[in-house]
């Protein structure tokens, strides 16, 4: 894979529309648990060529939920928010979450406030009826400097306060932080300690920490029960690729005990189970995500 989802996301107003800000009580989710969805980065080339037809194909497969990774310049995959929302509604698709670019660039220090661009990003997410606004980004500088990391996490919490006004939470999707240690603590543990769970969520990718440091995803879920309302469900090949990482593969065909990991996560409070596959072993992405969905159904989801 030449382009990471993080790079893909990065490259990629309610008041004006007459939509009221939702009260804090909207946080109470009246949603069946668990819910299975697809991270659209899994079919990124198809979405780039023809978003409408790609969504139709996914809907025909049986997907009811999708997670975007294609918001840029105030549009979802090139469509105005209202247009994209209508497209999803017509296909009976829900989009409870999405991946967007967020970092220190989203804060205007001169105004001591978020940039207008970030405010609009949050507003557009609310228009889509999202529950979570998620970033897969953690600035490289913050991965090397403890104080900078705390500043980023503080911004996450502040963004959670902003999202809360619209009935949403801000989320972090774990990047490949591996065994980075700052102040005698693993970086991921610092994140978990300082993120306010009342304002933010963690979206745990069950393969990322394994890929970066061989971490067993079961250990993370056991260590932080109830902290992962959303899960990225992914499997990876045992053998590493030429870049020294493990390529993702169809669920159940890799090295991770995905069925057991998901079962433990659901027992611990995960309800939004987002399938993601980033490489395909000479099959088409659409065929792969179809097989992924079948695997989840065979496991009872």
C-alpha atoms as a PDB file:
ATOM      1  CA  UNK A   1       0.000   0.000   0.000  1.00  0.00           C
ATOM      2  CA  UNK A   2       1.660   3.227  -1.144  1.00  0.00           C
ATOM      3  CA  UNK A   3      -0.728   5.685   0.505  1.00  0.00           C
ATOM      4  CA  UNK A   4      -1.669   5.312   4.162  1.00  0.00           C
ATOM      5  CA  UNK A   5      -5.179   5.981   5.405  1.00  0.00           C
ATOM      6  CA  UNK A   6      -3.708   8.737   7.552  1.00  0.00           C
ATOM      7  CA  UNK A   7      -2.357  10.508   4.459  1.00  0.00           C
ATOM      8  CA  UNK A   8      -5.559   9.729   2.554  1.00  0.00           C
ATOM      9  CA  UNK A   9      -7.688  11.389   5.233  1.00  0.00           C
ATOM     10  CA  UNK A  10      -5.397  14.401   5.525  1.00  0.00           C
ATOM     11  CA  UNK A  11      -5.500  15.102   1.805  1.00  0.00           C
ATOM     12  CA  UNK A  12      -8.812  14.447   1.569  1.00  0.00           C
ATOM     13  CA  UNK A  13     -22.907  25.209   8.403  1.00  0.00           C
ATOM     14  CA  UNK A  14     -25.538  23.742  10.492  1.00  0.00           C
ATOM     15  CA  UNK A  15     -26.780  27.218  11.368  1.00  0.00           C
ATOM     16  CA  UNK A  16     -26.926  28.138   7.704  1.00  0.00           C
ATOM     17  CA  UNK A  17     -28.936  24.994   7.058  1.00  0.00           C
ATOM     18  CA  UNK A  18     -31.327  25.719   9.896  1.00  0.00           C
ATOM     19  CA  UNK A  19     -30.234  22.705  11.958  1.00  0.00           C
ATOM     20  CA  UNK A  20     -30.312  23.166  15.708  1.00  0.00           C
ATOM     21  CA  UNK A  21     -27.439  22.265  18.007  1.00  0.00           C
ATOM     22  CA  UNK A  22     -28.289  19.026  19.815  1.00  0.00           C
ATOM     23  CA  UNK A  23     -28.310  18.881  23.617  1.00  0.00           C
ATOM     24  CA  UNK A  24     -25.980  16.752  25.686  1.00  0.00           C
ATOM     25  CA  UNK A  25     -28.787  14.229  26.233  1.00  0.00           C
ATOM     26  CA  UNK A  26     -28.321  13.051  22.656  1.00  0.00           C
ATOM     27  CA  UNK A  27     -25.233  11.187  23.904  1.00  0.00           C
ATOM     28  CA  UNK A  28     -27.587   8.406  24.982  1.00  0.00           C
ATOM     29  CA  UNK A  29     -27.394   6.057  22.014  1.00  0.00           C
ATOM     30  CA  UNK A  30     -30.528   4.133  21.191  1.00  0.00           C
ATOM     31  CA  UNK A  31     -28.711   1.771  18.847  1.00  0.00           C
ATOM     32  CA  UNK A  32     -28.700  -2.053  18.792  1.00  0.00           C
ATOM     33  CA  UNK A  33     -25.395  -3.517  19.877  1.00  0.00           C
ATOM     34  CA  UNK A  34     -23.222  -4.563  18.227  1.00  0.00           C
ATOM     35  CA  UNK A  35     -23.383  -2.889  14.820  1.00  0.00           C
ATOM     36  CA  UNK A  36     -21.128  -3.941  11.916  1.00  0.00           C
ATOM     37  CA  UNK A  37     -19.867  -1.401   9.388  1.00  0.00           C
ATOM     38  CA  UNK A  38     -17.144  -0.829   6.816  1.00  0.00           C
ATOM     39  CA  UNK A  39     -14.338   1.720   6.738  1.00  0.00           C
ATOM     40  CA  UNK A  40     -14.619   3.067   3.207  1.00  0.00           C
ATOM     41  CA  UNK A  41     -10.855   3.315   2.962  1.00  0.00           C
ATOM     42  CA  UNK A  42     -11.081  -0.440   2.322  1.00  0.00           C
ATOM     43  CA  UNK A  43     -12.575   0.357  -1.093  1.00  0.00           C
ATOM     44  CA  UNK A  44     -10.851   3.710  -1.581  1.00  0.00           C
ATOM     45  CA  UNK A  45     -10.164   3.330  -5.301  1.00  0.00           C
ATOM     46  CA  UNK A  46     -13.786   2.406  -5.975  1.00  0.00           C
ATOM     47  CA  UNK A  47     -14.995   5.362  -3.903  1.00  0.00           C
ATOM     48  CA  UNK A  48     -12.660   7.653  -5.819  1.00  0.00           C
ATOM     49  CA  UNK A  49     -13.977   6.462  -9.190  1.00  0.00           C
ATOM     50  CA  UNK A  50     -17.698   6.331  -8.396  1.00  0.00           C
ATOM     51  CA  UNK A  51     -18.844   6.957  -4.819  1.00  0.00           C
ATOM     52  CA  UNK A  52     -22.543   6.520  -5.553  1.00  0.00           C
ATOM     53  CA  UNK A  53     -22.183   3.183  -7.329  1.00  0.00           C
ATOM     54  CA  UNK A  54     -19.693   1.919  -4.752  1.00  0.00           C
ATOM     55  CA  UNK A  55     -22.099   2.655  -1.924  1.00  0.00           C
ATOM     56  CA  UNK A  56     -24.876   0.926  -3.858  1.00  0.00           C
ATOM     57  CA  UNK A  57     -22.742  -2.202  -4.264  1.00  0.00           C
ATOM     58  CA  UNK A  58     -21.915  -2.222  -0.555  1.00  0.00           C
ATOM     59  CA  UNK A  59     -25.558  -1.817   0.335  1.00  0.00           C
ATOM     60  CA  UNK A  60     -26.478  -4.714  -1.949  1.00  0.00           C
ATOM     61  CA  UNK A  61     -23.847  -6.850  -0.158  1.00  0.00           C
ATOM     62  CA  UNK A  62     -25.676  -6.266   3.090  1.00  0.00           C
ATOM     63  CA  UNK A  63     -23.731  -3.433   4.675  1.00  0.00           C
ATOM     64  CA  UNK A  64     -25.921  -1.086   6.699  1.00  0.00           C
ATOM     65  CA  UNK A  65     -23.200   1.110   8.196  1.00  0.00           C
ATOM     66  CA  UNK A  66     -20.151   2.810   6.692  1.00  0.00           C
ATOM     67  CA  UNK A  67     -17.354   4.936   8.105  1.00  0.00           C
ATOM     68  CA  UNK A  68     -15.897   7.604   5.865  1.00  0.00           C
ATOM     69  CA  UNK A  69     -12.286   8.586   5.232  1.00  0.00           C
ATOM     70  CA  UNK A  70     -13.036  11.019   2.436  1.00  0.00           C
ATOM     71  CA  UNK A  71     -13.864  14.429   3.905  1.00  0.00           C
ATOM     72  CA  UNK A  72     -11.957  17.304   2.327  1.00  0.00           C
ATOM     73  CA  UNK A  73     -12.669  20.966   1.629  1.00  0.00           C
ATOM     74  CA  UNK A  74     -16.085  20.707   3.231  1.00  0.00           C
ATOM     75  CA  UNK A  75     -17.200  17.790   1.079  1.00  0.00           C
ATOM     76  CA  UNK A  76     -17.575  14.033   1.459  1.00  0.00           C
ATOM     77  CA  UNK A  77     -16.001  12.270  -1.506  1.00  0.00           C
ATOM     78  CA  UNK A  78     -16.609  15.370  -3.587  1.00  0.00           C
ATOM     79  CA  UNK A  79     -20.253  15.784  -2.552  1.00  0.00           C
ATOM     80  CA  UNK A  80     -21.763  18.527  -0.445  1.00  0.00           C
ATOM     81  CA  UNK A  81     -22.779  17.182   2.973  1.00  0.00           C
ATOM     82  CA  UNK A  82     -26.500  17.429   2.223  1.00  0.00           C
ATOM     83  CA  UNK A  83     -26.018  15.544  -1.052  1.00  0.00           C
ATOM     84  CA  UNK A  84     -23.940  12.798   0.541  1.00  0.00           C
ATOM     85  CA  UNK A  85     -26.420  12.448   3.393  1.00  0.00           C
ATOM     86  CA  UNK A  86     -29.236  12.021   0.885  1.00  0.00           C
ATOM     87  CA  UNK A  87     -27.192   9.414  -0.981  1.00  0.00           C
ATOM     88  CA  UNK A  88     -26.709   7.401   2.199  1.00  0.00           C
ATOM     89  CA  UNK A  89     -30.346   7.756   3.217  1.00  0.00           C
ATOM     90  CA  UNK A  90     -31.568   6.544  -0.169  1.00  0.00           C
ATOM     91  CA  UNK A  91     -29.504   3.367   0.272  1.00  0.00           C
ATOM     92  CA  UNK A  92     -30.508   2.843   3.891  1.00  0.00           C
ATOM     93  CA  UNK A  93     -26.912   3.406   5.070  1.00  0.00           C
ATOM     94  CA  UNK A  94     -25.903   4.941   8.392  1.00  0.00           C
ATOM     95  CA  UNK A  95     -22.604   6.690   9.019  1.00  0.00           C
ATOM     96  CA  UNK A  96     -21.965   6.880  12.751  1.00  0.00           C
ATOM     97  CA  UNK A  97     -18.325   7.887  12.439  1.00  0.00           C
ATOM     98  CA  UNK A  98     -15.681   9.213  10.096  1.00  0.00           C
ATOM     99  CA  UNK A  99     -11.943   9.855   9.904  1.00  0.00           C
ATOM    100  CA  UNK A 100     -10.741  13.421   9.454  1.00  0.00           C
ATOM    101  CA  UNK A 101      -7.526  15.394   9.678  1.00  0.00           C
ATOM    102  CA  UNK A 102      -6.950  16.974  13.096  1.00  0.00           C
ATOM    103  CA  UNK A 103      -3.913  18.365  14.873  1.00  0.00           C
ATOM    104  CA  UNK A 104      -2.296  21.537  16.148  1.00  0.00           C
ATOM    105  CA  UNK A 105      -3.149  23.142  12.814  1.00  0.00           C
ATOM    106  CA  UNK A 106      -6.819  22.934  13.862  1.00  0.00           C
ATOM    107  CA  UNK A 107      -6.254  25.427  16.702  1.00  0.00           C
ATOM    108  CA  UNK A 108      -5.964  29.198  16.170  1.00  0.00           C
ATOM    109  CA  UNK A 109      -3.685  30.380  18.963  1.00  0.00           C
ATOM    110  CA  UNK A 110      -4.332  34.047  18.129  1.00  0.00           C
ATOM    111  CA  UNK A 111      -8.031  33.541  18.860  1.00  0.00           C
ATOM    112  CA  UNK A 112      -7.584  30.880  21.526  1.00  0.00           C
ATOM    113  CA  UNK A 113     -10.155  28.872  19.630  1.00  0.00           C
ATOM    114  CA  UNK A 114     -10.513  26.250  16.937  1.00  0.00           C
ATOM    115  CA  UNK A 115     -10.178  27.311  13.335  1.00  0.00           C
ATOM    116  CA  UNK A 116     -13.317  27.920  11.306  1.00  0.00           C
ATOM    117  CA  UNK A 117     -12.325  24.967   9.149  1.00  0.00           C
ATOM    118  CA  UNK A 118     -12.384  22.607  12.131  1.00  0.00           C
ATOM    119  CA  UNK A 119     -15.675  24.020  13.387  1.00  0.00           C
ATOM    120  CA  UNK A 120     -17.215  23.350  10.000  1.00  0.00           C
ATOM    121  CA  UNK A 121     -15.789  19.818  10.016  1.00  0.00           C
ATOM    122  CA  UNK A 122     -17.608  19.155  13.287  1.00  0.00           C
ATOM    123  CA  UNK A 123     -20.801  20.780  12.039  1.00  0.00           C
ATOM    124  CA  UNK A 124     -20.763  18.691   8.862  1.00  0.00           C
ATOM    125  CA  UNK A 125     -20.242  15.533  10.921  1.00  0.00           C
ATOM    126  CA  UNK A 126     -23.301  16.428  12.992  1.00  0.00           C
ATOM    127  CA  UNK A 127     -25.287  16.989   9.808  1.00  0.00           C
ATOM    128  CA  UNK A 128     -24.429  13.419   8.821  1.00  0.00           C
ATOM    129  CA  UNK A 129     -25.830  12.189  12.168  1.00  0.00           C
ATOM    130  CA  UNK A 130     -22.421  10.970  13.261  1.00  0.00           C
ATOM    131  CA  UNK A 131     -21.806   9.966  16.857  1.00  0.00           C
ATOM    132  CA  UNK A 132     -18.028  10.134  16.655  1.00  0.00           C
ATOM    133  CA  UNK A 133     -15.584  12.486  14.899  1.00  0.00           C
ATOM    134  CA  UNK A 134     -12.319  10.524  14.715  1.00  0.00           C
ATOM    135  CA  UNK A 135      -8.758  11.331  13.763  1.00  0.00           C
ATOM    136  CA  UNK A 136      -6.170   8.682  12.847  1.00  0.00           C
ATOM    137  CA  UNK A 137      -3.396  11.268  13.205  1.00  0.00           C
ATOM    138  CA  UNK A 138      -0.854  11.842  15.925  1.00  0.00           C
ATOM    139  CA  UNK A 139       1.777  14.427  15.077  1.00  0.00           C
ATOM    140  CA  UNK A 140       5.257  12.930  14.811  1.00  0.00           C
ATOM    141  CA  UNK A 141       6.617  15.641  17.108  1.00  0.00           C
ATOM    142  CA  UNK A 142       4.108  14.635  19.778  1.00  0.00           C
ATOM    143  CA  UNK A 143       5.358  11.068  19.568  1.00  0.00           C
ATOM    144  CA  UNK A 144       8.817  12.283  20.592  1.00  0.00           C
ATOM    145  CA  UNK A 145       8.063  15.022  23.104  1.00  0.00           C
ATOM    146  CA  UNK A 146       5.995  14.425  26.251  1.00  0.00           C
ATOM    147  CA  UNK A 147       4.852  18.044  26.628  1.00  0.00           C
ATOM    148  CA  UNK A 148       3.795  18.265  22.990  1.00  0.00           C
ATOM    149  CA  UNK A 149       1.882  15.018  23.371  1.00  0.00           C
ATOM    150  CA  UNK A 150      -0.021  16.431  26.347  1.00  0.00           C
ATOM    151  CA  UNK A 151      -0.846  19.550  24.313  1.00  0.00           C
ATOM    152  CA  UNK A 152      -2.290  17.396  21.534  1.00  0.00           C
ATOM    153  CA  UNK A 153      -4.331  15.353  24.005  1.00  0.00           C
ATOM    154  CA  UNK A 154      -5.583  18.593  25.584  1.00  0.00           C
ATOM    155  CA  UNK A 155      -6.775  19.628  22.121  1.00  0.00           C
ATOM    156  CA  UNK A 156      -8.537  16.275  21.769  1.00  0.00           C
ATOM    157  CA  UNK A 157     -10.391  16.957  25.000  1.00  0.00           C
ATOM    158  CA  UNK A 158     -11.246  20.493  23.871  1.00  0.00           C
ATOM    159  CA  UNK A 159     -12.493  19.081  20.585  1.00  0.00           C
ATOM    160  CA  UNK A 160     -14.587  16.678  22.627  1.00  0.00           C
ATOM    161  CA  UNK A 161     -16.204  19.685  24.325  1.00  0.00           C
ATOM    162  CA  UNK A 162     -16.999  21.165  20.913  1.00  0.00           C
ATOM    163  CA  UNK A 163     -18.364  17.872  19.608  1.00  0.00           C
ATOM    164  CA  UNK A 164     -20.438  17.473  22.770  1.00  0.00           C
ATOM    165  CA  UNK A 165     -22.473  20.532  21.785  1.00  0.00           C
ATOM    166  CA  UNK A 166     -23.695  18.552  18.782  1.00  0.00           C
ATOM    167  CA  UNK A 167     -24.346  15.295  20.611  1.00  0.00           C
ATOM    168  CA  UNK A 168     -21.067  13.718  19.478  1.00  0.00           C
ATOM    169  CA  UNK A 169     -17.695  12.726  20.911  1.00  0.00           C
ATOM    170  CA  UNK A 170     -14.223  13.216  19.504  1.00  0.00           C
ATOM    171  CA  UNK A 171     -12.153  10.085  18.955  1.00  0.00           C
ATOM    172  CA  UNK A 172      -8.618   8.898  18.323  1.00  0.00           C
ATOM    173  CA  UNK A 173      -7.895   5.882  16.146  1.00  0.00           C
ATOM    174  CA  UNK A 174      -4.615   4.408  17.331  1.00  0.00           C
ATOM    175  CA  UNK A 175      -1.741   5.070  14.986  1.00  0.00           C
ATOM    176  CA  UNK A 176       1.365   2.873  14.764  1.00  0.00           C
ATOM    177  CA  UNK A 177       2.778   4.168  18.051  1.00  0.00           C
ATOM    178  CA  UNK A 178       4.244   0.806  19.027  1.00  0.00           C
ATOM    179  CA  UNK A 179       6.493   0.740  22.091  1.00  0.00           C
ATOM    180  CA  UNK A 180       7.365   4.443  22.167  1.00  0.00           C
ATOM    181  CA  UNK A 181       8.155   5.431  25.765  1.00  0.00           C
ATOM    182  CA  UNK A 182       7.984   8.959  27.185  1.00  0.00           C
ATOM    183  CA  UNK A 183       8.432   9.749  30.888  1.00  0.00           C
ATOM    184  CA  UNK A 184       8.755   6.038  31.583  1.00  0.00           C
ATOM    185  CA  UNK A 185       5.305   5.335  30.168  1.00  0.00           C
ATOM    186  CA  UNK A 186       4.270   3.799  26.879  1.00  0.00           C
ATOM    187  CA  UNK A 187       2.803   6.412  24.617  1.00  0.00           C
ATOM    188  CA  UNK A 188      -0.532   4.653  24.306  1.00  0.00           C
ATOM    189  CA  UNK A 189      -0.833   4.453  28.093  1.00  0.00           C
ATOM    190  CA  UNK A 190      -0.234   8.210  28.287  1.00  0.00           C
ATOM    191  CA  UNK A 191      -3.054   8.728  25.819  1.00  0.00           C
ATOM    192  CA  UNK A 192      -5.421   6.516  27.776  1.00  0.00           C
ATOM    193  CA  UNK A 193      -4.537   8.237  31.034  1.00  0.00           C
ATOM    194  CA  UNK A 194      -5.064  11.793  29.816  1.00  0.00           C
ATOM    195  CA  UNK A 195      -7.998  11.511  27.401  1.00  0.00           C
ATOM    196  CA  UNK A 196     -11.257  12.433  29.122  1.00  0.00           C
ATOM    197  CA  UNK A 197     -13.625   9.480  28.512  1.00  0.00           C
ATOM    198  CA  UNK A 198     -16.607  11.783  29.049  1.00  0.00           C
ATOM    199  CA  UNK A 199     -15.588  13.799  26.003  1.00  0.00           C
ATOM    200  CA  UNK A 200     -13.517  11.456  23.862  1.00  0.00           C
ATOM    201  CA  UNK A 201     -13.461   7.866  22.707  1.00  0.00           C
ATOM    202  CA  UNK A 202     -10.751   5.495  21.588  1.00  0.00           C
ATOM    203  CA  UNK A 203     -11.261   3.555  18.378  1.00  0.00           C
ATOM    204  CA  UNK A 204      -9.044   0.515  18.803  1.00  0.00           C
ATOM    205  CA  UNK A 205      -7.595  -0.965  15.623  1.00  0.00           C
ATOM    206  CA  UNK A 206      -6.935  -4.546  16.678  1.00  0.00           C
ATOM    207  CA  UNK A 207      -4.073  -4.893  14.178  1.00  0.00           C
ATOM    208  CA  UNK A 208      -2.157  -1.624  14.488  1.00  0.00           C
ATOM    209  CA  UNK A 209      -0.397  -2.167  17.801  1.00  0.00           C
ATOM    210  CA  UNK A 210       0.247  -5.776  16.817  1.00  0.00           C
ATOM    211  CA  UNK A 211       1.747  -4.566  13.564  1.00  0.00           C
ATOM    212  CA  UNK A 212       3.921  -1.985  15.288  1.00  0.00           C
ATOM    213  CA  UNK A 213       5.071  -3.888  18.344  1.00  0.00           C
ATOM    214  CA  UNK A 214       3.568  -7.376  18.342  1.00  0.00           C
ATOM    215  CA  UNK A 215       1.051  -6.347  21.000  1.00  0.00           C
ATOM    216  CA  UNK A 216      -1.763  -8.842  21.581  1.00  0.00           C
ATOM    217  CA  UNK A 217      -5.046  -6.945  21.068  1.00  0.00           C
ATOM    218  CA  UNK A 218      -6.675  -9.031  23.822  1.00  0.00           C
ATOM    219  CA  UNK A 219      -4.218  -7.536  26.312  1.00  0.00           C
ATOM    220  CA  UNK A 220      -5.185  -3.958  25.384  1.00  0.00           C
ATOM    221  CA  UNK A 221      -8.917  -4.641  25.701  1.00  0.00           C
ATOM    222  CA  UNK A 222      -8.418  -6.342  29.065  1.00  0.00           C
ATOM    223  CA  UNK A 223      -6.255  -3.486  30.295  1.00  0.00           C
ATOM    224  CA  UNK A 224      -8.759  -0.810  29.330  1.00  0.00           C
ATOM    225  CA  UNK A 225     -12.247  -2.350  29.620  1.00  0.00           C
ATOM    226  CA  UNK A 226     -15.058  -0.155  28.368  1.00  0.00           C
ATOM    227  CA  UNK A 227     -12.782   2.381  26.683  1.00  0.00           C
ATOM    228  CA  UNK A 228     -13.352   1.212  23.093  1.00  0.00           C
ATOM    229  CA  UNK A 229     -16.953   1.828  21.974  1.00  0.00           C
ATOM    230  CA  UNK A 230     -15.669   1.535  18.414  1.00  0.00           C
ATOM    231  CA  UNK A 231     -13.381  -1.158  17.060  1.00  0.00           C
ATOM    232  CA  UNK A 232     -11.544  -1.524  13.767  1.00  0.00           C
ATOM    233  CA  UNK A 233     -11.900  -5.195  12.932  1.00  0.00           C
ATOM    234  CA  UNK A 234      -8.907  -6.293  10.916  1.00  0.00           C
ATOM    235  CA  UNK A 235      -6.782  -9.382  10.316  1.00  0.00           C
ATOM    236  CA  UNK A 236      -3.171  -9.510   9.118  1.00  0.00           C
ATOM    237  CA  UNK A 237      -0.895 -12.038   7.469  1.00  0.00           C
ATOM    238  CA  UNK A 238       1.711 -13.807   9.574  1.00  0.00           C
ATOM    239  CA  UNK A 239       4.587 -13.079   7.211  1.00  0.00           C
ATOM    240  CA  UNK A 240       5.825  -9.495   6.983  1.00  0.00           C
ATOM    241  CA  UNK A 241       5.992  -7.638   3.696  1.00  0.00           C
ATOM    242  CA  UNK A 242       9.117  -6.047   2.234  1.00  0.00           C
ATOM    243  CA  UNK A 243       8.502  -2.954   4.364  1.00  0.00           C
ATOM    244  CA  UNK A 244       8.616  -4.992   7.554  1.00  0.00           C
ATOM    245  CA  UNK A 245       4.912  -4.797   8.368  1.00  0.00           C
ATOM    246  CA  UNK A 246       2.017  -7.235   8.167  1.00  0.00           C
ATOM    247  CA  UNK A 247      -0.424  -6.808   5.273  1.00  0.00           C
ATOM    248  CA  UNK A 248      -4.090  -6.975   6.155  1.00  0.00           C
ATOM    249  CA  UNK A 249      -6.153  -9.843   4.828  1.00  0.00           C
ATOM    250  CA  UNK A 250      -9.673 -11.288   4.855  1.00  0.00           C
ATOM    251  CA  UNK A 251     -11.017 -11.796   8.373  1.00  0.00           C
ATOM    252  CA  UNK A 252     -10.199 -15.240   9.695  1.00  0.00           C
ATOM    253  CA  UNK A 253      -7.382 -15.889   7.226  1.00  0.00           C
ATOM    254  CA  UNK A 254      -4.647 -14.136   9.148  1.00  0.00           C
ATOM    255  CA  UNK A 255      -2.693 -14.499  12.362  1.00  0.00           C
ATOM    256  CA  UNK A 256      -5.045 -12.677  14.752  1.00  0.00           C
ATOM    257  CA  UNK A 257      -7.771 -14.469  16.699  1.00  0.00           C
ATOM    258  CA  UNK A 258     -10.282 -11.962  15.350  1.00  0.00           C
ATOM    259  CA  UNK A 259     -13.401 -13.841  16.433  1.00  0.00           C
ATOM    260  CA  UNK A 260     -12.238 -14.038  20.048  1.00  0.00           C
ATOM    261  CA  UNK A 261     -10.915 -10.481  20.070  1.00  0.00           C
ATOM    262  CA  UNK A 262     -14.239  -9.103  18.834  1.00  0.00           C
ATOM    263  CA  UNK A 263     -16.182 -11.230  21.326  1.00  0.00           C
ATOM    264  CA  UNK A 264     -14.092  -9.874  24.199  1.00  0.00           C
ATOM    265  CA  UNK A 265     -14.424  -6.302  22.933  1.00  0.00           C
ATOM    266  CA  UNK A 266     -18.202  -6.570  22.642  1.00  0.00           C
ATOM    267  CA  UNK A 267     -18.386  -8.011  26.148  1.00  0.00           C
ATOM    268  CA  UNK A 268     -16.307  -5.037  27.284  1.00  0.00           C
ATOM    269  CA  UNK A 269     -18.598  -2.476  25.653  1.00  0.00           C
ATOM    270  CA  UNK A 270     -17.645  -2.152  21.981  1.00  0.00           C
ATOM    271  CA  UNK A 271     -20.752  -1.649  19.851  1.00  0.00           C
ATOM    272  CA  UNK A 272     -19.520  -0.135  16.578  1.00  0.00           C
ATOM    273  CA  UNK A 273     -17.522  -2.833  14.781  1.00  0.00           C
ATOM    274  CA  UNK A 274     -15.892  -1.350  11.686  1.00  0.00           C
ATOM    275  CA  UNK A 275     -14.345  -3.784   9.204  1.00  0.00           C
ATOM    276  CA  UNK A 276     -11.180  -2.559   7.533  1.00  0.00           C
ATOM    277  CA  UNK A 277      -8.948  -4.224   4.969  1.00  0.00           C
ATOM    278  CA  UNK A 278      -6.167  -2.278   3.304  1.00  0.00           C
ATOM    279  CA  UNK A 279      -4.430  -4.878   1.110  1.00  0.00           C
ATOM    280  CA  UNK A 280      -6.016  -7.677  -0.868  1.00  0.00           C
ATOM    281  CA  UNK A 281      -3.701 -10.494  -2.041  1.00  0.00           C
ATOM    282  CA  UNK A 282      -4.671 -10.213  -5.733  1.00  0.00           C
ATOM    283  CA  UNK A 283      -8.434 -10.113  -5.077  1.00  0.00           C
ATOM    284  CA  UNK A 284     -10.596  -7.089  -5.703  1.00  0.00           C
ATOM    285  CA  UNK A 285     -11.311  -4.862  -2.713  1.00  0.00           C
ATOM    286  CA  UNK A 286     -15.057  -5.356  -3.198  1.00  0.00           C
ATOM    287  CA  UNK A 287     -14.695  -9.151  -3.165  1.00  0.00           C
ATOM    288  CA  UNK A 288     -12.594  -8.927  -0.016  1.00  0.00           C
ATOM    289  CA  UNK A 289     -15.010  -6.753   1.949  1.00  0.00           C
ATOM    290  CA  UNK A 290     -17.828  -9.062   0.855  1.00  0.00           C
ATOM    291  CA  UNK A 291     -15.930 -12.005   2.358  1.00  0.00           C
ATOM    292  CA  UNK A 292     -15.162  -9.928   5.459  1.00  0.00           C
ATOM    293  CA  UNK A 293     -18.855  -9.280   6.011  1.00  0.00           C
ATOM    294  CA  UNK A 294     -19.636 -12.968   5.543  1.00  0.00           C
ATOM    295  CA  UNK A 295     -17.037 -13.821   8.190  1.00  0.00           C
ATOM    296  CA  UNK A 296     -18.628 -11.440  10.663  1.00  0.00           C
ATOM    297  CA  UNK A 297     -22.064 -12.902   9.946  1.00  0.00           C
ATOM    298  CA  UNK A 298     -20.716 -16.423  10.462  1.00  0.00           C
ATOM    299  CA  UNK A 299     -19.462 -15.263  13.868  1.00  0.00           C
ATOM    300  CA  UNK A 300     -22.933 -14.060  14.775  1.00  0.00           C
ATOM    301  CA  UNK A 301     -22.710 -10.339  14.041  1.00  0.00           C
END
